[in-house]
Amino acid sequence: MKIIVVGGTGTIGKAIVTELSQQHSIVVVGSTHGQIQTDVTDINFIKEMYKAIGPFDALVAALGTIHFGPLPELTEDQFYIGIRKKLMSQVNLVLQGLHHVNDGGSFTLTSGMLNVDPAPLGASAAMVNGALEGFVRSAALEMPRSTRINLVSPTVIKESLAQYGEYFPGFEAVSAERVALAYRKSVEGAQTGQVYRVGYTVPL
């Protein structure tokens, strides 16, 4: 399969590329590195990316910048960081990608666990993650031409603990290599509308 990995130069993205490149042709997309560089917060750049790549079989989006901070201090602009860079960037990758994906292709997006297992300072992340879950479950009902859409929702990544560990006190971390298996399951499997949770379960 021809697979686009947006965010393929990041921590999780690199692990996904390593996992999928064993059997598939990978196009790595990044903001400043990769085979193609683009700004996924701009829909016009997304359109140009798809024109440059052409027809494809699967897209994986492993991206998303979020602002962490105390709720009483959060501003509208800080909330919009996650809305633009994690939520709408992935939504637009799907909407525009539907014009180029091959019949029976798939989209795999990325969220995180804070909407079901919240932690202090993570209100913005929880909001965006919940929105992504809702989008994927609903979009799966309307995907044309037998295309599929799923979501990978990991806990904090071991390789990112130095950067994000303070926001996840007491959370068990998982390796990027383990998380990459969920993306492979989504891409090579047959399910749609699923949320693949890695490293945590939904609290009762």
N, C-alpha and C. Protein backbone atom coordinates (compact mmCIF):
# COMPACT_ATOMS: atom_id res chain seq x y z
N MET A 1 0.83 -1.20 0.00
CA MET A 1 0.00 0.00 0.00
C MET A 1 0.87 1.26 0.00
N LYS A 2 0.34 2.30 -0.55
CA LYS A 2 0.97 3.61 -0.49
C LYS A 2 0.36 4.35 0.69
N ILE A 3 1.18 4.63 1.71
CA ILE A 3 0.69 5.19 2.97
C ILE A 3 1.35 6.54 3.23
N ILE A 4 0.54 7.54 3.50
CA ILE A 4 1.04 8.86 3.90
C ILE A 4 1.08 8.91 5.42
N VAL A 5 2.22 9.26 5.98
CA VAL A 5 2.33 9.44 7.43
C VAL A 5 2.61 10.91 7.70
N VAL A 6 1.58 11.64 8.10
CA VAL A 6 1.73 13.05 8.43
C VAL A 6 2.20 13.14 9.88
N GLY A 7 3.29 13.84 10.09
CA GLY A 7 3.93 13.82 11.41
C GLY A 7 4.91 12.68 11.51
N GLY A 8 5.34 12.19 10.37
CA GLY A 8 6.22 11.03 10.33
C GLY A 8 7.62 11.27 10.82
N THR A 9 7.96 12.51 11.14
CA THR A 9 9.30 12.81 11.68
C THR A 9 9.27 13.01 13.19
N GLY A 10 8.09 12.88 13.81
CA GLY A 10 7.98 13.03 15.25
C GLY A 10 8.25 11.73 15.98
N THR A 11 8.11 11.75 17.30
CA THR A 11 8.42 10.58 18.12
C THR A 11 7.56 9.38 17.75
N ILE A 12 6.25 9.54 17.75
CA ILE A 12 5.37 8.44 17.37
C ILE A 12 5.46 8.19 15.87
N GLY A 13 5.53 9.27 15.10
CA GLY A 13 5.58 9.13 13.64
C GLY A 13 6.73 8.28 13.16
N LYS A 14 7.89 8.47 13.74
CA LYS A 14 9.06 7.67 13.33
C LYS A 14 8.82 6.18 13.60
N ALA A 15 8.21 5.88 14.74
CA ALA A 15 7.93 4.49 15.08
C ALA A 15 6.90 3.90 14.11
N ILE A 16 5.92 4.71 13.71
CA ILE A 16 4.92 4.25 12.73
C ILE A 16 5.58 3.96 11.40
N VAL A 17 6.45 4.86 10.95
CA VAL A 17 7.15 4.67 9.68
C VAL A 17 7.98 3.39 9.73
N THR A 18 8.68 3.16 10.83
CA THR A 18 9.49 1.95 10.98
C THR A 18 8.62 0.71 10.90
N GLU A 19 7.47 0.74 11.57
CA GLU A 19 6.56 -0.42 11.59
C GLU A 19 5.95 -0.69 10.23
N LEU A 20 5.47 0.34 9.56
CA LEU A 20 4.74 0.15 8.32
C LEU A 20 5.64 -0.01 7.10
N SER A 21 6.84 0.53 7.15
CA SER A 21 7.72 0.49 5.98
C SER A 21 8.25 -0.91 5.70
N GLN A 22 8.02 -1.84 6.61
CA GLN A 22 8.46 -3.22 6.37
C GLN A 22 7.71 -3.84 5.20
N GLN A 23 6.45 -3.40 5.01
CA GLN A 23 5.64 -4.01 3.96
C GLN A 23 4.97 -3.03 3.01
N HIS A 24 5.14 -1.74 3.26
CA HIS A 24 4.41 -0.75 2.48
C HIS A 24 5.33 0.38 2.01
N SER A 25 4.84 1.14 1.03
CA SER A 25 5.55 2.33 0.54
C SER A 25 5.07 3.53 1.34
N ILE A 26 5.98 4.23 1.98
CA ILE A 26 5.63 5.30 2.91
C ILE A 26 6.04 6.67 2.35
N VAL A 27 5.11 7.63 2.44
CA VAL A 27 5.41 9.03 2.14
C VAL A 27 5.41 9.78 3.47
N VAL A 28 6.57 10.25 3.88
CA VAL A 28 6.70 10.93 5.17
C VAL A 28 6.48 12.42 4.98
N VAL A 29 5.51 12.96 5.74
CA VAL A 29 5.19 14.38 5.68
C VAL A 29 5.49 15.02 7.03
N GLY A 30 6.21 16.13 7.01
CA GLY A 30 6.51 16.85 8.23
C GLY A 30 6.37 18.34 8.01
N SER A 31 6.52 19.10 9.09
CA SER A 31 6.42 20.55 8.96
C SER A 31 7.71 21.15 8.41
N THR A 32 8.85 20.58 8.80
CA THR A 32 10.14 21.10 8.32
C THR A 32 11.05 20.00 7.77
N HIS A 33 10.69 18.73 8.01
CA HIS A 33 11.48 17.61 7.51
C HIS A 33 10.55 16.61 6.85
N GLY A 34 11.15 15.58 6.26
CA GLY A 34 10.36 14.57 5.57
C GLY A 34 10.44 14.73 4.06
N GLN A 35 9.85 13.78 3.35
CA GLN A 35 9.84 13.85 1.90
C GLN A 35 9.04 15.04 1.39
N ILE A 36 8.00 15.38 2.13
CA ILE A 36 7.18 16.55 1.80
C ILE A 36 7.01 17.37 3.07
N GLN A 37 7.15 18.68 2.96
CA GLN A 37 6.92 19.59 4.09
C GLN A 37 5.66 20.40 3.83
N THR A 38 4.83 20.52 4.85
CA THR A 38 3.61 21.29 4.70
C THR A 38 3.13 21.80 6.04
N ASP A 39 2.21 22.74 6.01
CA ASP A 39 1.58 23.28 7.21
C ASP A 39 0.15 22.78 7.23
N VAL A 40 -0.13 21.79 8.08
CA VAL A 40 -1.45 21.18 8.07
C VAL A 40 -2.52 22.04 8.74
N THR A 41 -2.13 23.18 9.29
CA THR A 41 -3.14 24.09 9.83
C THR A 41 -3.74 24.96 8.73
N ASP A 42 -3.20 24.88 7.53
CA ASP A 42 -3.68 25.66 6.39
C ASP A 42 -4.26 24.71 5.34
N ILE A 43 -5.54 24.81 5.10
CA ILE A 43 -6.20 23.87 4.19
C ILE A 43 -5.65 23.95 2.77
N ASN A 44 -5.17 25.12 2.37
CA ASN A 44 -4.60 25.24 1.02
C ASN A 44 -3.31 24.45 0.89
N PHE A 45 -2.51 24.40 1.95
CA PHE A 45 -1.30 23.58 1.94
C PHE A 45 -1.65 22.10 1.92
N ILE A 46 -2.72 21.73 2.62
CA ILE A 46 -3.17 20.34 2.60
C ILE A 46 -3.57 19.93 1.19
N LYS A 47 -4.31 20.80 0.51
CA LYS A 47 -4.71 20.51 -0.87
C LYS A 47 -3.49 20.32 -1.76
N GLU A 48 -2.49 21.18 -1.61
CA GLU A 48 -1.28 21.07 -2.42
C GLU A 48 -0.52 19.79 -2.10
N MET A 49 -0.51 19.39 -0.84
CA MET A 49 0.15 18.15 -0.45
C MET A 49 -0.46 16.96 -1.18
N TYR A 50 -1.79 16.89 -1.17
CA TYR A 50 -2.45 15.77 -1.83
C TYR A 50 -2.23 15.78 -3.35
N LYS A 51 -2.20 16.95 -3.93
CA LYS A 51 -1.93 17.05 -5.37
C LYS A 51 -0.53 16.52 -5.69
N ALA A 52 0.43 16.84 -4.80
CA ALA A 52 1.80 16.40 -5.03
C ALA A 52 1.96 14.89 -4.85
N ILE A 53 1.22 14.32 -3.94
CA ILE A 53 1.36 12.90 -3.63
C ILE A 53 0.55 12.03 -4.59
N GLY A 54 -0.64 12.49 -4.95
CA GLY A 54 -1.51 11.71 -5.82
C GLY A 54 -2.30 10.67 -5.06
N PRO A 55 -2.91 9.72 -5.77
CA PRO A 55 -3.74 8.69 -5.12
C PRO A 55 -2.94 7.92 -4.07
N PHE A 56 -3.62 7.52 -2.99
CA PHE A 56 -2.96 6.79 -1.92
C PHE A 56 -3.95 5.80 -1.32
N ASP A 57 -3.43 4.89 -0.49
CA ASP A 57 -4.26 3.85 0.11
C ASP A 57 -4.59 4.10 1.58
N ALA A 58 -3.72 4.80 2.28
CA ALA A 58 -3.97 5.06 3.70
C ALA A 58 -3.25 6.33 4.12
N LEU A 59 -3.87 7.05 5.03
CA LEU A 59 -3.23 8.21 5.65
C LEU A 59 -3.24 8.02 7.15
N VAL A 60 -2.08 8.25 7.75
CA VAL A 60 -1.94 8.24 9.20
C VAL A 60 -1.54 9.63 9.64
N ALA A 61 -2.28 10.19 10.58
CA ALA A 61 -1.95 11.51 11.12
C ALA A 61 -1.47 11.35 12.55
N ALA A 62 -0.19 11.56 12.76
CA ALA A 62 0.40 11.46 14.10
C ALA A 62 0.91 12.84 14.48
N LEU A 63 -0.02 13.69 14.87
CA LEU A 63 0.35 15.08 15.10
C LEU A 63 -0.57 15.71 16.14
N GLY A 64 -0.24 16.92 16.53
CA GLY A 64 -1.16 17.65 17.39
C GLY A 64 -0.48 18.37 18.53
N THR A 65 -0.42 19.68 18.42
CA THR A 65 0.11 20.51 19.51
C THR A 65 -1.04 20.99 20.38
N ILE A 66 -0.85 20.88 21.69
CA ILE A 66 -1.87 21.26 22.67
C ILE A 66 -1.24 22.17 23.71
N HIS A 67 -2.03 23.12 24.22
CA HIS A 67 -1.55 23.96 25.32
C HIS A 67 -2.01 23.37 26.66
N PHE A 68 -1.06 23.14 27.54
CA PHE A 68 -1.36 22.69 28.89
C PHE A 68 -1.25 23.88 29.84
N GLY A 69 -2.21 24.01 30.75
CA GLY A 69 -2.15 25.11 31.70
C GLY A 69 -3.31 25.08 32.67
N PRO A 70 -3.22 25.83 33.77
CA PRO A 70 -4.30 25.87 34.77
C PRO A 70 -5.59 26.41 34.16
N LEU A 71 -6.69 25.76 34.45
CA LEU A 71 -7.97 26.16 33.87
C LEU A 71 -8.31 27.63 34.08
N PRO A 72 -8.16 28.19 35.29
CA PRO A 72 -8.54 29.60 35.47
C PRO A 72 -7.72 30.58 34.64
N GLU A 73 -6.57 30.11 34.13
CA GLU A 73 -5.69 31.00 33.37
C GLU A 73 -5.77 30.78 31.87
N LEU A 74 -6.49 29.75 31.44
CA LEU A 74 -6.56 29.46 30.00
C LEU A 74 -7.33 30.55 29.26
N THR A 75 -6.80 30.92 28.11
CA THR A 75 -7.45 31.93 27.28
C THR A 75 -8.06 31.25 26.05
N GLU A 76 -8.92 31.97 25.37
CA GLU A 76 -9.52 31.44 24.14
C GLU A 76 -8.44 31.11 23.11
N ASP A 77 -7.46 31.98 22.99
CA ASP A 77 -6.37 31.74 22.02
C ASP A 77 -5.62 30.46 22.35
N GLN A 78 -5.43 30.17 23.64
CA GLN A 78 -4.72 28.95 24.03
C GLN A 78 -5.54 27.72 23.71
N PHE A 79 -6.86 27.80 23.87
CA PHE A 79 -7.71 26.69 23.46
C PHE A 79 -7.62 26.47 21.96
N TYR A 80 -7.54 27.55 21.20
CA TYR A 80 -7.51 27.43 19.75
C TYR A 80 -6.21 26.82 19.23
N ILE A 81 -5.17 26.78 20.04
CA ILE A 81 -3.94 26.09 19.63
C ILE A 81 -4.25 24.63 19.33
N GLY A 82 -4.92 23.97 20.27
CA GLY A 82 -5.28 22.57 20.07
C GLY A 82 -6.34 22.39 19.00
N ILE A 83 -7.29 23.32 18.94
CA ILE A 83 -8.34 23.22 17.93
C ILE A 83 -7.74 23.28 16.53
N ARG A 84 -6.80 24.18 16.30
CA ARG A 84 -6.21 24.35 14.98
C ARG A 84 -5.18 23.25 14.67
N LYS A 85 -4.29 23.01 15.63
CA LYS A 85 -3.13 22.17 15.34
C LYS A 85 -3.36 20.68 15.56
N LYS A 86 -4.40 20.33 16.32
CA LYS A 86 -4.66 18.90 16.54
C LYS A 86 -6.02 18.47 15.99
N LEU A 87 -7.05 19.26 16.24
CA LEU A 87 -8.40 18.87 15.82
C LEU A 87 -8.65 19.15 14.34
N MET A 88 -8.70 20.41 13.96
CA MET A 88 -9.09 20.75 12.59
C MET A 88 -8.05 20.34 11.56
N SER A 89 -6.79 20.30 11.94
CA SER A 89 -5.78 19.83 10.98
C SER A 89 -6.07 18.39 10.58
N GLN A 90 -6.43 17.55 11.54
CA GLN A 90 -6.72 16.16 11.22
C GLN A 90 -8.06 16.01 10.50
N VAL A 91 -9.05 16.79 10.93
CA VAL A 91 -10.35 16.77 10.23
C VAL A 91 -10.17 17.17 8.77
N ASN A 92 -9.40 18.21 8.53
CA ASN A 92 -9.19 18.67 7.15
C ASN A 92 -8.37 17.67 6.33
N LEU A 93 -7.46 16.96 6.97
CA LEU A 93 -6.73 15.91 6.26
C LEU A 93 -7.69 14.84 5.74
N VAL A 94 -8.72 14.55 6.51
CA VAL A 94 -9.72 13.57 6.08
C VAL A 94 -10.60 14.15 4.97
N LEU A 95 -11.14 15.33 5.21
CA LEU A 95 -12.07 15.92 4.25
C LEU A 95 -11.43 16.11 2.88
N GLN A 96 -10.20 16.60 2.85
CA GLN A 96 -9.51 16.78 1.58
C GLN A 96 -8.98 15.46 1.02
N GLY A 97 -8.61 14.57 1.92
CA GLY A 97 -8.08 13.29 1.48
C GLY A 97 -9.10 12.40 0.81
N LEU A 98 -10.37 12.60 1.13
CA LEU A 98 -11.42 11.79 0.51
C LEU A 98 -11.46 11.98 -1.01
N HIS A 99 -10.93 13.09 -1.49
CA HIS A 99 -10.90 13.34 -2.94
C HIS A 99 -9.76 12.58 -3.64
N HIS A 100 -8.86 12.00 -2.84
CA HIS A 100 -7.66 11.39 -3.43
C HIS A 100 -7.44 9.94 -3.00
N VAL A 101 -8.06 9.51 -1.91
CA VAL A 101 -7.83 8.16 -1.41
C VAL A 101 -8.47 7.13 -2.33
N ASN A 102 -7.79 6.00 -2.48
CA ASN A 102 -8.31 4.92 -3.31
C ASN A 102 -9.49 4.24 -2.63
N ASP A 103 -10.33 3.60 -3.43
CA ASP A 103 -11.46 2.85 -2.88
C ASP A 103 -10.95 1.85 -1.84
N GLY A 104 -11.67 1.77 -0.71
CA GLY A 104 -11.27 0.84 0.33
C GLY A 104 -10.11 1.32 1.18
N GLY A 105 -9.68 2.58 0.99
CA GLY A 105 -8.56 3.12 1.75
C GLY A 105 -8.96 3.47 3.18
N SER A 106 -8.03 4.06 3.91
CA SER A 106 -8.31 4.34 5.30
C SER A 106 -7.60 5.60 5.80
N PHE A 107 -8.16 6.13 6.89
CA PHE A 107 -7.56 7.25 7.61
C PHE A 107 -7.43 6.85 9.07
N THR A 108 -6.27 7.11 9.65
CA THR A 108 -6.06 6.85 11.08
C THR A 108 -5.58 8.13 11.74
N LEU A 109 -6.37 8.63 12.68
CA LEU A 109 -6.06 9.87 13.38
C LEU A 109 -5.52 9.58 14.78
N THR A 110 -5.11 10.65 15.47
CA THR A 110 -4.48 10.50 16.79
C THR A 110 -5.12 11.43 17.81
N SER A 111 -5.45 10.88 18.98
CA SER A 111 -5.93 11.72 20.08
C SER A 111 -5.06 11.47 21.31
N GLY A 112 -5.64 11.05 22.41
CA GLY A 112 -4.94 10.81 23.66
C GLY A 112 -5.95 10.50 24.73
N MET A 113 -5.50 10.13 25.93
CA MET A 113 -6.43 9.59 26.92
C MET A 113 -7.02 10.60 27.89
N LEU A 114 -6.63 11.88 27.81
CA LEU A 114 -7.05 12.83 28.84
C LEU A 114 -8.54 13.12 28.86
N ASN A 115 -9.25 12.82 27.78
CA ASN A 115 -10.70 13.04 27.81
C ASN A 115 -11.44 11.96 28.59
N VAL A 116 -10.81 10.80 28.79
CA VAL A 116 -11.44 9.74 29.58
C VAL A 116 -10.72 9.48 30.90
N ASP A 117 -9.49 9.92 31.01
CA ASP A 117 -8.71 9.78 32.26
C ASP A 117 -7.98 11.10 32.48
N PRO A 118 -8.71 12.13 32.92
CA PRO A 118 -8.15 13.49 32.96
C PRO A 118 -7.08 13.69 34.02
N ALA A 119 -6.28 14.72 33.78
CA ALA A 119 -5.23 15.12 34.72
C ALA A 119 -5.23 16.64 34.81
N PRO A 120 -4.72 17.20 35.89
CA PRO A 120 -4.65 18.66 36.01
C PRO A 120 -3.89 19.28 34.84
N LEU A 121 -4.30 20.46 34.46
CA LEU A 121 -3.69 21.25 33.38
C LEU A 121 -4.07 20.77 31.98
N GLY A 122 -4.92 19.73 31.91
CA GLY A 122 -5.19 19.13 30.61
C GLY A 122 -6.58 19.37 30.05
N ALA A 123 -7.25 20.44 30.47
CA ALA A 123 -8.63 20.68 30.00
C ALA A 123 -8.70 20.87 28.49
N SER A 124 -7.74 21.60 27.93
CA SER A 124 -7.74 21.83 26.48
C SER A 124 -7.51 20.53 25.72
N ALA A 125 -6.56 19.74 26.20
CA ALA A 125 -6.28 18.45 25.56
C ALA A 125 -7.49 17.54 25.63
N ALA A 126 -8.15 17.50 26.80
CA ALA A 126 -9.33 16.65 26.97
C ALA A 126 -10.43 17.05 26.00
N MET A 127 -10.64 18.35 25.83
CA MET A 127 -11.67 18.84 24.93
C MET A 127 -11.40 18.40 23.49
N VAL A 128 -10.18 18.59 23.02
CA VAL A 128 -9.83 18.25 21.65
C VAL A 128 -9.89 16.73 21.43
N ASN A 129 -9.37 15.96 22.39
CA ASN A 129 -9.42 14.51 22.25
C ASN A 129 -10.85 14.00 22.16
N GLY A 130 -11.73 14.55 22.99
CA GLY A 130 -13.12 14.14 22.94
C GLY A 130 -13.77 14.48 21.62
N ALA A 131 -13.43 15.64 21.09
CA ALA A 131 -13.97 16.05 19.78
C ALA A 131 -13.50 15.10 18.68
N LEU A 132 -12.25 14.69 18.73
CA LEU A 132 -11.73 13.77 17.72
C LEU A 132 -12.43 12.42 17.79
N GLU A 133 -12.68 11.93 19.01
CA GLU A 133 -13.40 10.66 19.13
C GLU A 133 -14.79 10.77 18.53
N GLY A 134 -15.49 11.86 18.83
CA GLY A 134 -16.82 12.05 18.29
C GLY A 134 -16.82 12.13 16.77
N PHE A 135 -15.84 12.84 16.23
CA PHE A 135 -15.74 12.98 14.78
C PHE A 135 -15.53 11.63 14.11
N VAL A 136 -14.59 10.85 14.62
CA VAL A 136 -14.26 9.57 14.00
C VAL A 136 -15.45 8.61 14.05
N ARG A 137 -16.10 8.51 15.19
CA ARG A 137 -17.24 7.59 15.32
C ARG A 137 -18.37 7.98 14.37
N SER A 138 -18.62 9.28 14.25
CA SER A 138 -19.69 9.74 13.37
C SER A 138 -19.30 9.65 11.90
N ALA A 139 -18.08 10.08 11.59
CA ALA A 139 -17.62 10.07 10.19
C ALA A 139 -17.62 8.66 9.62
N ALA A 140 -17.37 7.66 10.47
CA ALA A 140 -17.32 6.27 9.99
C ALA A 140 -18.64 5.85 9.35
N LEU A 141 -19.74 6.48 9.76
CA LEU A 141 -21.06 6.14 9.22
C LEU A 141 -21.25 6.65 7.80
N GLU A 142 -20.41 7.62 7.38
CA GLU A 142 -20.63 8.28 6.09
C GLU A 142 -19.44 8.18 5.14
N MET A 143 -18.45 7.40 5.49
CA MET A 143 -17.27 7.31 4.63
C MET A 143 -17.64 6.66 3.30
N PRO A 144 -17.31 7.30 2.20
CA PRO A 144 -17.69 6.78 0.87
C PRO A 144 -16.74 5.71 0.36
N ARG A 145 -17.20 4.96 -0.61
CA ARG A 145 -16.38 4.02 -1.38
C ARG A 145 -15.63 3.01 -0.50
N SER A 146 -16.30 2.57 0.56
CA SER A 146 -15.74 1.54 1.46
C SER A 146 -14.47 2.00 2.17
N THR A 147 -14.26 3.33 2.26
CA THR A 147 -13.12 3.82 3.02
C THR A 147 -13.41 3.72 4.51
N ARG A 148 -12.36 3.66 5.30
CA ARG A 148 -12.48 3.47 6.74
C ARG A 148 -11.80 4.62 7.48
N ILE A 149 -12.19 4.80 8.76
CA ILE A 149 -11.54 5.80 9.60
C ILE A 149 -11.50 5.29 11.04
N ASN A 150 -10.35 5.40 11.67
CA ASN A 150 -10.16 4.99 13.06
C ASN A 150 -9.31 6.02 13.80
N LEU A 151 -9.20 5.81 15.10
CA LEU A 151 -8.46 6.74 15.96
C LEU A 151 -7.57 5.95 16.90
N VAL A 152 -6.32 6.38 17.04
CA VAL A 152 -5.42 5.80 18.04
C VAL A 152 -5.30 6.78 19.20
N SER A 153 -5.51 6.27 20.41
CA SER A 153 -5.51 7.11 21.60
C SER A 153 -4.53 6.53 22.62
N PRO A 154 -3.28 6.99 22.60
CA PRO A 154 -2.28 6.44 23.52
C PRO A 154 -2.18 7.22 24.82
N THR A 155 -1.63 6.56 25.82
CA THR A 155 -1.22 7.26 27.03
C THR A 155 0.09 7.98 26.73
N VAL A 156 0.73 8.53 27.74
CA VAL A 156 1.98 9.26 27.52
C VAL A 156 3.06 8.30 27.00
N ILE A 157 3.90 8.79 26.12
CA ILE A 157 4.93 7.98 25.47
C ILE A 157 6.24 8.05 26.27
N LYS A 158 6.87 6.91 26.46
CA LYS A 158 8.12 6.85 27.24
C LYS A 158 9.16 7.81 26.70
N GLU A 159 9.29 7.85 25.39
CA GLU A 159 10.32 8.69 24.78
C GLU A 159 10.04 10.18 24.94
N SER A 160 8.82 10.53 25.37
CA SER A 160 8.44 11.94 25.53
C SER A 160 8.30 12.35 26.99
N LEU A 161 8.69 11.49 27.91
CA LEU A 161 8.50 11.79 29.33
C LEU A 161 9.26 13.04 29.76
N ALA A 162 10.45 13.24 29.21
CA ALA A 162 11.23 14.41 29.59
C ALA A 162 10.51 15.70 29.24
N GLN A 163 9.71 15.67 28.17
CA GLN A 163 9.02 16.86 27.71
C GLN A 163 7.62 17.00 28.30
N TYR A 164 6.91 15.86 28.45
CA TYR A 164 5.51 15.93 28.85
C TYR A 164 5.19 15.20 30.16
N GLY A 165 6.18 14.55 30.75
CA GLY A 165 5.93 13.73 31.93
C GLY A 165 5.27 14.47 33.08
N GLU A 166 5.58 15.76 33.25
CA GLU A 166 5.01 16.52 34.37
C GLU A 166 3.50 16.67 34.26
N TYR A 167 2.95 16.53 33.06
CA TYR A 167 1.51 16.67 32.88
C TYR A 167 0.76 15.36 33.12
N PHE A 168 1.49 14.28 33.36
CA PHE A 168 0.87 12.97 33.52
C PHE A 168 1.36 12.29 34.80
N PRO A 169 1.11 12.89 35.95
CA PRO A 169 1.60 12.32 37.21
C PRO A 169 0.95 10.97 37.51
N GLY A 170 1.77 9.96 37.73
CA GLY A 170 1.27 8.64 38.07
C GLY A 170 0.79 7.80 36.90
N PHE A 171 0.86 8.33 35.70
CA PHE A 171 0.43 7.57 34.53
C PHE A 171 1.55 6.63 34.09
N GLU A 172 1.17 5.42 33.68
CA GLU A 172 2.14 4.48 33.15
C GLU A 172 2.42 4.80 31.69
N ALA A 173 3.68 4.97 31.35
CA ALA A 173 4.06 5.31 29.98
C ALA A 173 4.23 4.04 29.14
N VAL A 174 4.06 4.19 27.82
CA VAL A 174 4.29 3.08 26.89
C VAL A 174 5.28 3.54 25.82
N SER A 175 5.90 2.60 25.17
CA SER A 175 6.89 2.93 24.14
C SER A 175 6.20 3.32 22.84
N ALA A 176 6.87 4.14 22.07
CA ALA A 176 6.35 4.52 20.76
C ALA A 176 6.23 3.29 19.86
N GLU A 177 7.13 2.34 20.04
CA GLU A 177 7.09 1.11 19.25
C GLU A 177 5.78 0.35 19.50
N ARG A 178 5.35 0.30 20.76
CA ARG A 178 4.09 -0.37 21.07
C ARG A 178 2.90 0.38 20.48
N VAL A 179 2.93 1.69 20.58
CA VAL A 179 1.83 2.50 20.03
C VAL A 179 1.72 2.30 18.53
N ALA A 180 2.86 2.16 17.86
CA ALA A 180 2.85 2.01 16.40
C ALA A 180 2.07 0.79 15.95
N LEU A 181 1.97 -0.23 16.79
CA LEU A 181 1.23 -1.43 16.43
C LEU A 181 -0.26 -1.13 16.25
N ALA A 182 -0.78 -0.18 17.03
CA ALA A 182 -2.19 0.19 16.90
C ALA A 182 -2.46 0.82 15.54
N TYR A 183 -1.52 1.61 15.05
CA TYR A 183 -1.67 2.21 13.73
C TYR A 183 -1.64 1.13 12.65
N ARG A 184 -0.78 0.16 12.83
CA ARG A 184 -0.73 -0.94 11.86
C ARG A 184 -2.05 -1.70 11.86
N LYS A 185 -2.62 -1.93 13.04
CA LYS A 185 -3.91 -2.63 13.14
C LYS A 185 -4.98 -1.86 12.38
N SER A 186 -4.97 -0.54 12.53
CA SER A 186 -5.96 0.28 11.85
C SER A 186 -5.77 0.24 10.34
N VAL A 187 -4.53 0.38 9.89
CA VAL A 187 -4.24 0.45 8.46
C VAL A 187 -4.49 -0.89 7.77
N GLU A 188 -4.03 -1.96 8.35
CA GLU A 188 -4.08 -3.27 7.69
C GLU A 188 -5.33 -4.06 8.04
N GLY A 189 -6.10 -3.60 9.01
CA GLY A 189 -7.29 -4.33 9.43
C GLY A 189 -8.52 -3.97 8.61
N ALA A 190 -9.69 -4.32 9.17
CA ALA A 190 -10.95 -4.10 8.45
C ALA A 190 -11.94 -3.26 9.26
N GLN A 191 -11.57 -2.87 10.48
CA GLN A 191 -12.50 -2.15 11.33
C GLN A 191 -12.58 -0.68 10.96
N THR A 192 -13.70 -0.07 11.33
CA THR A 192 -13.87 1.37 11.12
C THR A 192 -14.65 1.95 12.28
N GLY A 193 -14.43 3.24 12.54
CA GLY A 193 -15.10 3.90 13.65
C GLY A 193 -14.59 3.48 15.01
N GLN A 194 -13.40 2.90 15.05
CA GLN A 194 -12.86 2.38 16.30
C GLN A 194 -11.90 3.37 16.97
N VAL A 195 -11.82 3.29 18.29
CA VAL A 195 -10.80 4.01 19.06
C VAL A 195 -9.88 2.96 19.67
N TYR A 196 -8.65 2.92 19.20
CA TYR A 196 -7.67 1.98 19.72
C TYR A 196 -6.91 2.65 20.87
N ARG A 197 -7.23 2.22 22.08
CA ARG A 197 -6.60 2.80 23.27
C ARG A 197 -5.34 2.00 23.61
N VAL A 198 -4.24 2.70 23.81
CA VAL A 198 -2.96 2.02 24.06
C VAL A 198 -2.41 2.47 25.40
N GLY A 199 -2.25 1.52 26.31
CA GLY A 199 -1.63 1.80 27.59
C GLY A 199 -2.57 2.23 28.69
N TYR A 200 -3.88 2.20 28.44
CA TYR A 200 -4.85 2.56 29.47
C TYR A 200 -6.20 1.98 29.11
N THR A 201 -7.09 1.94 30.10
CA THR A 201 -8.45 1.51 29.88
C THR A 201 -9.39 2.61 30.33
N VAL A 202 -10.62 2.55 29.90
CA VAL A 202 -11.61 3.55 30.29
C VAL A 202 -12.02 3.30 31.74
N PRO A 203 -11.86 4.27 32.63
CA PRO A 203 -12.25 4.07 34.03
C PRO A 203 -13.74 3.79 34.17
N LEU A 204 -14.10 2.95 35.12
CA LEU A 204 -15.51 2.65 35.37
C LEU A 204 -16.19 3.83 36.04
